[in-house]
């Protein structure tokens, strides 16, 4: 399951606003907020884009990954 809190932590570490993150991912700012709050789960494609843009492994974005 996707870890929205980890996304927020990584985004903030990269000094990105939700708006900037949304632009990098090609989604709305609201979608980034929904993902971070755990209201929505990303598609496999979006999960892949998130990991690429933040330069982390997909497993780092998943709960229970030990990270």
PDB file of N, CA and C in Angstrom:
ATOM      1  N   UNK A   1       0.836  -1.178   0.000  1.00  0.00           N
ATOM      2  CA  UNK A   1       0.000   0.000   0.000  1.00  0.00           C
ATOM      3  C   UNK A   1       0.888   1.252   0.000  1.00  0.00           C
ATOM      4  N   UNK A   2       0.466   2.263  -0.717  1.00  0.00           N
ATOM      5  CA  UNK A   2       1.213   3.504  -0.862  1.00  0.00           C
ATOM      6  C   UNK A   2       1.315   4.254   0.462  1.00  0.00           C
ATOM      7  N   UNK A   3       2.471   4.847   0.723  1.00  0.00           N
ATOM      8  CA  UNK A   3       2.728   5.592   1.946  1.00  0.00           C
ATOM      9  C   UNK A   3       2.740   7.095   1.649  1.00  0.00           C
ATOM     10  N   UNK A   4       1.601   7.734   1.844  1.00  0.00           N
ATOM     11  CA  UNK A   4       1.471   9.157   1.560  1.00  0.00           C
ATOM     12  C   UNK A   4       2.359  10.021   2.433  1.00  0.00           C
ATOM     13  N   UNK A   5       2.549   9.610   3.688  1.00  0.00           N
ATOM     14  CA  UNK A   5       3.408  10.377   4.589  1.00  0.00           C
ATOM     15  C   UNK A   5       4.848  10.378   4.076  1.00  0.00           C
ATOM     16  N   UNK A   6       5.269   9.275   3.503  1.00  0.00           N
ATOM     17  CA  UNK A   6       6.625   9.191   2.947  1.00  0.00           C
ATOM     18  C   UNK A   6       6.755  10.116   1.741  1.00  0.00           C
ATOM     19  N   UNK A   7       5.716  10.175   0.920  1.00  0.00           N
ATOM     20  CA  UNK A   7       5.728  11.088  -0.217  1.00  0.00           C
ATOM     21  C   UNK A   7       5.914  12.522   0.268  1.00  0.00           C
ATOM     22  N   UNK A   8       5.157  12.882   1.270  1.00  0.00           N
ATOM     23  CA  UNK A   8       5.261  14.249   1.811  1.00  0.00           C
ATOM     24  C   UNK A   8       6.672  14.513   2.334  1.00  0.00           C
ATOM     25  N   UNK A   9       7.209  13.564   3.086  1.00  0.00           N
ATOM     26  CA  UNK A   9       8.561  13.698   3.639  1.00  0.00           C
ATOM     27  C   UNK A   9       9.589  13.889   2.518  1.00  0.00           C
ATOM     28  N   UNK A  10       9.501  13.073   1.486  1.00  0.00           N
ATOM     29  CA  UNK A  10      10.443  13.160   0.370  1.00  0.00           C
ATOM     30  C   UNK A  10      10.273  14.461  -0.412  1.00  0.00           C
ATOM     31  N   UNK A  11       9.020  14.868  -0.612  1.00  0.00           N
ATOM     32  CA  UNK A  11       8.756  16.117  -1.330  1.00  0.00           C
ATOM     33  C   UNK A  11       9.327  17.304  -0.567  1.00  0.00           C
ATOM     34  N   UNK A  12       9.096  17.327   0.728  1.00  0.00           N
ATOM     35  CA  UNK A  12       9.605  18.421   1.541  1.00  0.00           C
ATOM     36  C   UNK A  12      11.134  18.405   1.594  1.00  0.00           C
ATOM     37  N   UNK A  13      11.736  17.230   1.638  1.00  0.00           N
ATOM     38  CA  UNK A  13      13.200  17.113   1.629  1.00  0.00           C
ATOM     39  C   UNK A  13      13.790  17.665   0.334  1.00  0.00           C
ATOM     40  N   UNK A  14      13.018  17.540  -0.753  1.00  0.00           N
ATOM     41  CA  UNK A  14      13.452  18.059  -2.051  1.00  0.00           C
ATOM     42  C   UNK A  14      13.104  19.539  -2.204  1.00  0.00           C
ATOM     43  N   UNK A  15      12.558  20.134  -1.144  1.00  0.00           N
ATOM     44  CA  UNK A  15      12.165  21.554  -1.156  1.00  0.00           C
ATOM     45  C   UNK A  15      11.181  21.865  -2.272  1.00  0.00           C
ATOM     46  N   UNK A  16      10.211  20.985  -2.443  1.00  0.00           N
ATOM     47  CA  UNK A  16       9.174  21.182  -3.459  1.00  0.00           C
ATOM     48  C   UNK A  16       7.838  21.464  -2.787  1.00  0.00           C
ATOM     49  N   UNK A  17       7.082  22.386  -3.354  1.00  0.00           N
ATOM     50  CA  UNK A  17       5.714  22.610  -2.897  1.00  0.00           C
ATOM     51  C   UNK A  17       4.825  21.539  -3.531  1.00  0.00           C
ATOM     52  N   UNK A  18       3.607  21.441  -3.055  1.00  0.00           N
ATOM     53  CA  UNK A  18       2.679  20.499  -3.679  1.00  0.00           C
ATOM     54  C   UNK A  18       2.434  20.884  -5.133  1.00  0.00           C
ATOM     55  N   UNK A  19       2.416  22.185  -5.399  1.00  0.00           N
ATOM     56  CA  UNK A  19       2.223  22.652  -6.773  1.00  0.00           C
ATOM     57  C   UNK A  19       3.387  22.225  -7.666  1.00  0.00           C
ATOM     58  N   UNK A  20       4.612  22.415  -7.185  1.00  0.00           N
ATOM     59  CA  UNK A  20       5.787  22.020  -7.966  1.00  0.00           C
ATOM     60  C   UNK A  20       5.833  20.509  -8.198  1.00  0.00           C
ATOM     61  N   UNK A  21       5.469  19.758  -7.160  1.00  0.00           N
ATOM     62  CA  UNK A  21       5.446  18.297  -7.299  1.00  0.00           C
ATOM     63  C   UNK A  21       4.408  17.889  -8.333  1.00  0.00           C
ATOM     64  N   UNK A  22       3.260  18.529  -8.291  1.00  0.00           N
ATOM     65  CA  UNK A  22       2.198  18.226  -9.250  1.00  0.00           C
ATOM     66  C   UNK A  22       2.664  18.488 -10.682  1.00  0.00           C
ATOM     67  N   UNK A  23       3.363  19.594 -10.885  1.00  0.00           N
ATOM     68  CA  UNK A  23       3.884  19.900 -12.222  1.00  0.00           C
ATOM     69  C   UNK A  23       4.862  18.827 -12.691  1.00  0.00           C
ATOM     70  N   UNK A  24       5.739  18.379 -11.800  1.00  0.00           N
ATOM     71  CA  UNK A  24       6.717  17.344 -12.158  1.00  0.00           C
ATOM     72  C   UNK A  24       6.038  16.023 -12.520  1.00  0.00           C
ATOM     73  N   UNK A  25       4.903  15.749 -11.883  1.00  0.00           N
ATOM     74  CA  UNK A  25       4.204  14.480 -12.090  1.00  0.00           C
ATOM     75  C   UNK A  25       3.152  14.545 -13.192  1.00  0.00           C
ATOM     76  N   UNK A  26       2.769  15.757 -13.584  1.00  0.00           N
ATOM     77  CA  UNK A  26       1.722  15.895 -14.592  1.00  0.00           C
ATOM     78  C   UNK A  26       0.340  15.615 -14.044  1.00  0.00           C
ATOM     79  N   UNK A  27       0.137  15.974 -12.768  1.00  0.00           N
ATOM     80  CA  UNK A  27      -1.170  15.803 -12.123  1.00  0.00           C
ATOM     81  C   UNK A  27      -1.559  17.126 -11.480  1.00  0.00           C
ATOM     82  N   UNK A  28      -2.754  17.184 -10.927  1.00  0.00           N
ATOM     83  CA  UNK A  28      -3.195  18.398 -10.248  1.00  0.00           C
ATOM     84  C   UNK A  28      -2.568  18.485  -8.856  1.00  0.00           C
ATOM     85  N   UNK A  29      -2.523  19.708  -8.344  1.00  0.00           N
ATOM     86  CA  UNK A  29      -2.034  19.915  -6.987  1.00  0.00           C
ATOM     87  C   UNK A  29      -2.920  19.152  -5.999  1.00  0.00           C
ATOM     88  N   UNK A  30      -4.210  19.140  -6.265  1.00  0.00           N
ATOM     89  CA  UNK A  30      -5.141  18.419  -5.394  1.00  0.00           C
ATOM     90  C   UNK A  30      -4.788  16.934  -5.327  1.00  0.00           C
ATOM     91  N   UNK A  31      -4.372  16.347  -6.446  1.00  0.00           N
ATOM     92  CA  UNK A  31      -4.005  14.934  -6.451  1.00  0.00           C
ATOM     93  C   UNK A  31      -2.816  14.675  -5.529  1.00  0.00           C
ATOM     94  N   UNK A  32      -1.832  15.556  -5.554  1.00  0.00           N
ATOM     95  CA  UNK A  32      -0.677  15.394  -4.664  1.00  0.00           C
ATOM     96  C   UNK A  32      -1.139  15.434  -3.208  1.00  0.00           C
ATOM     97  N   UNK A  33      -2.014  16.370  -2.881  1.00  0.00           N
ATOM     98  CA  UNK A  33      -2.539  16.487  -1.524  1.00  0.00           C
ATOM     99  C   UNK A  33      -3.311  15.217  -1.151  1.00  0.00           C
ATOM    100  N   UNK A  34      -4.161  14.722  -2.053  1.00  0.00           N
ATOM    101  CA  UNK A  34      -4.914  13.497  -1.793  1.00  0.00           C
ATOM    102  C   UNK A  34      -3.983  12.320  -1.541  1.00  0.00           C
ATOM    103  N   UNK A  35      -2.926  12.215  -2.333  1.00  0.00           N
ATOM    104  CA  UNK A  35      -1.959  11.128  -2.170  1.00  0.00           C
ATOM    105  C   UNK A  35      -1.262  11.229  -0.816  1.00  0.00           C
ATOM    106  N   UNK A  36      -0.831  12.418  -0.462  1.00  0.00           N
ATOM    107  CA  UNK A  36      -0.123  12.606   0.797  1.00  0.00           C
ATOM    108  C   UNK A  36      -1.017  12.325   2.000  1.00  0.00           C
ATOM    109  N   UNK A  37      -2.286  12.659   1.914  1.00  0.00           N
ATOM    110  CA  UNK A  37      -3.221  12.403   3.016  1.00  0.00           C
ATOM    111  C   UNK A  37      -3.696  10.963   3.058  1.00  0.00           C
ATOM    112  N   UNK A  38      -3.441  10.217   1.994  1.00  0.00           N
ATOM    113  CA  UNK A  38      -3.900   8.834   1.943  1.00  0.00           C
ATOM    114  C   UNK A  38      -5.326   8.688   1.455  1.00  0.00           C
ATOM    115  N   UNK A  39      -5.880   9.776   0.893  1.00  0.00           N
ATOM    116  CA  UNK A  39      -7.248   9.729   0.377  1.00  0.00           C
ATOM    117  C   UNK A  39      -7.337   8.973  -0.943  1.00  0.00           C
ATOM    118  N   UNK A  40      -6.230   8.936  -1.683  1.00  0.00           N
ATOM    119  CA  UNK A  40      -6.194   8.240  -2.977  1.00  0.00           C
ATOM    120  C   UNK A  40      -4.923   7.427  -3.060  1.00  0.00           C
ATOM    121  N   UNK A  41      -4.966   6.393  -3.883  1.00  0.00           N
ATOM    122  CA  UNK A  41      -3.800   5.560  -4.161  1.00  0.00           C
ATOM    123  C   UNK A  41      -3.360   5.831  -5.599  1.00  0.00           C
ATOM    124  N   UNK A  42      -2.047   5.921  -5.840  1.00  0.00           N
ATOM    125  CA  UNK A  42      -1.582   6.193  -7.195  1.00  0.00           C
ATOM    126  C   UNK A  42      -1.674   4.956  -8.082  1.00  0.00           C
ATOM    127  N   UNK A  43      -1.841   5.182  -9.372  1.00  0.00           N
ATOM    128  CA  UNK A  43      -1.769   4.081 -10.333  1.00  0.00           C
ATOM    129  C   UNK A  43      -0.320   3.607 -10.377  1.00  0.00           C
ATOM    130  N   UNK A  44      -0.091   2.468 -10.979  1.00  0.00           N
ATOM    131  CA  UNK A  44       1.267   1.949 -11.124  1.00  0.00           C
ATOM    132  C   UNK A  44       2.115   2.941 -11.915  1.00  0.00           C
ATOM    133  N   UNK A  45       1.539   3.513 -12.956  1.00  0.00           N
ATOM    134  CA  UNK A  45       2.257   4.498 -13.777  1.00  0.00           C
ATOM    135  C   UNK A  45       2.646   5.720 -12.961  1.00  0.00           C
ATOM    136  N   UNK A  46       1.714   6.236 -12.169  1.00  0.00           N
ATOM    137  CA  UNK A  46       2.002   7.418 -11.348  1.00  0.00           C
ATOM    138  C   UNK A  46       3.024   7.078 -10.264  1.00  0.00           C
ATOM    139  N   UNK A  47       2.920   5.921  -9.682  1.00  0.00           N
ATOM    140  CA  UNK A  47       3.883   5.479  -8.676  1.00  0.00           C
ATOM    141  C   UNK A  47       5.294   5.455  -9.274  1.00  0.00           C
ATOM    142  N   UNK A  48       5.391   4.976 -10.495  1.00  0.00           N
ATOM    143  CA  UNK A  48       6.675   4.936 -11.193  1.00  0.00           C
ATOM    144  C   UNK A  48       7.209   6.350 -11.435  1.00  0.00           C
ATOM    145  N   UNK A  49       6.333   7.267 -11.844  1.00  0.00           N
ATOM    146  CA  UNK A  49       6.756   8.659 -12.075  1.00  0.00           C
ATOM    147  C   UNK A  49       7.223   9.319 -10.781  1.00  0.00           C
ATOM    148  N   UNK A  50       6.505   9.041  -9.689  1.00  0.00           N
ATOM    149  CA  UNK A  50       6.886   9.608  -8.394  1.00  0.00           C
ATOM    150  C   UNK A  50       8.291   9.140  -8.020  1.00  0.00           C
ATOM    151  N   UNK A  51       8.538   7.845  -8.156  1.00  0.00           N
ATOM    152  CA  UNK A  51       9.853   7.321  -7.775  1.00  0.00           C
ATOM    153  C   UNK A  51      10.952   7.901  -8.660  1.00  0.00           C
ATOM    154  N   UNK A  52      10.669   8.073  -9.947  1.00  0.00           N
ATOM    155  CA  UNK A  52      11.663   8.669 -10.853  1.00  0.00           C
ATOM    156  C   UNK A  52      11.941  10.122 -10.494  1.00  0.00           C
ATOM    157  N   UNK A  53      10.890  10.912 -10.268  1.00  0.00           N
ATOM    158  CA  UNK A  53      11.056  12.345 -10.007  1.00  0.00           C
ATOM    159  C   UNK A  53      11.754  12.613  -8.674  1.00  0.00           C
ATOM    160  N   UNK A  54      11.523  11.715  -7.703  1.00  0.00           N
ATOM    161  CA  UNK A  54      12.139  11.899  -6.388  1.00  0.00           C
ATOM    162  C   UNK A  54      13.415  11.075  -6.231  1.00  0.00           C
ATOM    163  N   UNK A  55      13.764  10.327  -7.273  1.00  0.00           N
ATOM    164  CA  UNK A  55      14.978   9.513  -7.287  1.00  0.00           C
ATOM    165  C   UNK A  55      15.041   8.538  -6.110  1.00  0.00           C
ATOM    166  N   UNK A  56      13.933   7.805  -5.936  1.00  0.00           N
ATOM    167  CA  UNK A  56      13.850   6.767  -4.905  1.00  0.00           C
ATOM    168  C   UNK A  56      13.287   5.506  -5.537  1.00  0.00           C
ATOM    169  N   UNK A  57      13.467   4.393  -4.848  1.00  0.00           N
ATOM    170  CA  UNK A  57      12.889   3.135  -5.305  1.00  0.00           C
ATOM    171  C   UNK A  57      11.383   3.135  -5.020  1.00  0.00           C
ATOM    172  N   UNK A  58      10.636   2.428  -5.842  1.00  0.00           N
ATOM    173  CA  UNK A  58       9.188   2.305  -5.608  1.00  0.00           C
ATOM    174  C   UNK A  58       8.928   1.745  -4.209  1.00  0.00           C
ATOM    175  N   UNK A  59       9.736   0.793  -3.790  1.00  0.00           N
ATOM    176  CA  UNK A  59       9.551   0.185  -2.469  1.00  0.00           C
ATOM    177  C   UNK A  59       9.626   1.215  -1.346  1.00  0.00           C
ATOM    178  N   UNK A  60      10.389   2.286  -1.554  1.00  0.00           N
ATOM    179  CA  UNK A  60      10.504   3.334  -0.546  1.00  0.00           C
ATOM    180  C   UNK A  60       9.188   4.077  -0.336  1.00  0.00           C
ATOM    181  N   UNK A  61       8.302   3.984  -1.312  1.00  0.00           N
ATOM    182  CA  UNK A  61       7.018   4.687  -1.250  1.00  0.00           C
ATOM    183  C   UNK A  61       5.874   3.811  -0.744  1.00  0.00           C
ATOM    184  N   UNK A  62       6.203   2.579  -0.391  1.00  0.00           N
ATOM    185  CA  UNK A  62       5.188   1.626   0.039  1.00  0.00           C
ATOM    186  C   UNK A  62       5.283   1.360   1.530  1.00  0.00           C
ATOM    187  N   UNK A  63       4.135   1.255   2.193  1.00  0.00           N
ATOM    188  CA  UNK A  63       4.107   0.925   3.602  1.00  0.00           C
ATOM    189  C   UNK A  63       4.598  -0.500   3.795  1.00  0.00           C
ATOM    190  N   UNK A  64       5.279  -0.708   4.878  1.00  0.00           N
ATOM    191  CA  UNK A  64       5.756  -2.043   5.176  1.00  0.00           C
ATOM    192  C   UNK A  64       6.994  -2.424   4.390  1.00  0.00           C
ATOM    193  N   UNK A  65       7.620  -1.441   3.743  1.00  0.00           N
ATOM    194  CA  UNK A  65       8.819  -1.746   2.951  1.00  0.00           C
ATOM    195  C   UNK A  65      10.065  -1.763   3.817  1.00  0.00           C
ATOM    196  N   UNK A  66       9.896  -1.450   5.107  1.00  0.00           N
ATOM    197  CA  UNK A  66      11.033  -1.439   6.007  1.00  0.00           C
ATOM    198  C   UNK A  66      11.848  -0.174   5.929  1.00  0.00           C
ATOM    199  N   UNK A  67      11.317   0.822   5.242  1.00  0.00           N
ATOM    200  CA  UNK A  67      12.054   2.081   5.085  1.00  0.00           C
ATOM    201  C   UNK A  67      11.508   3.113   6.028  1.00  0.00           C
TER     202      UNK A  67
END
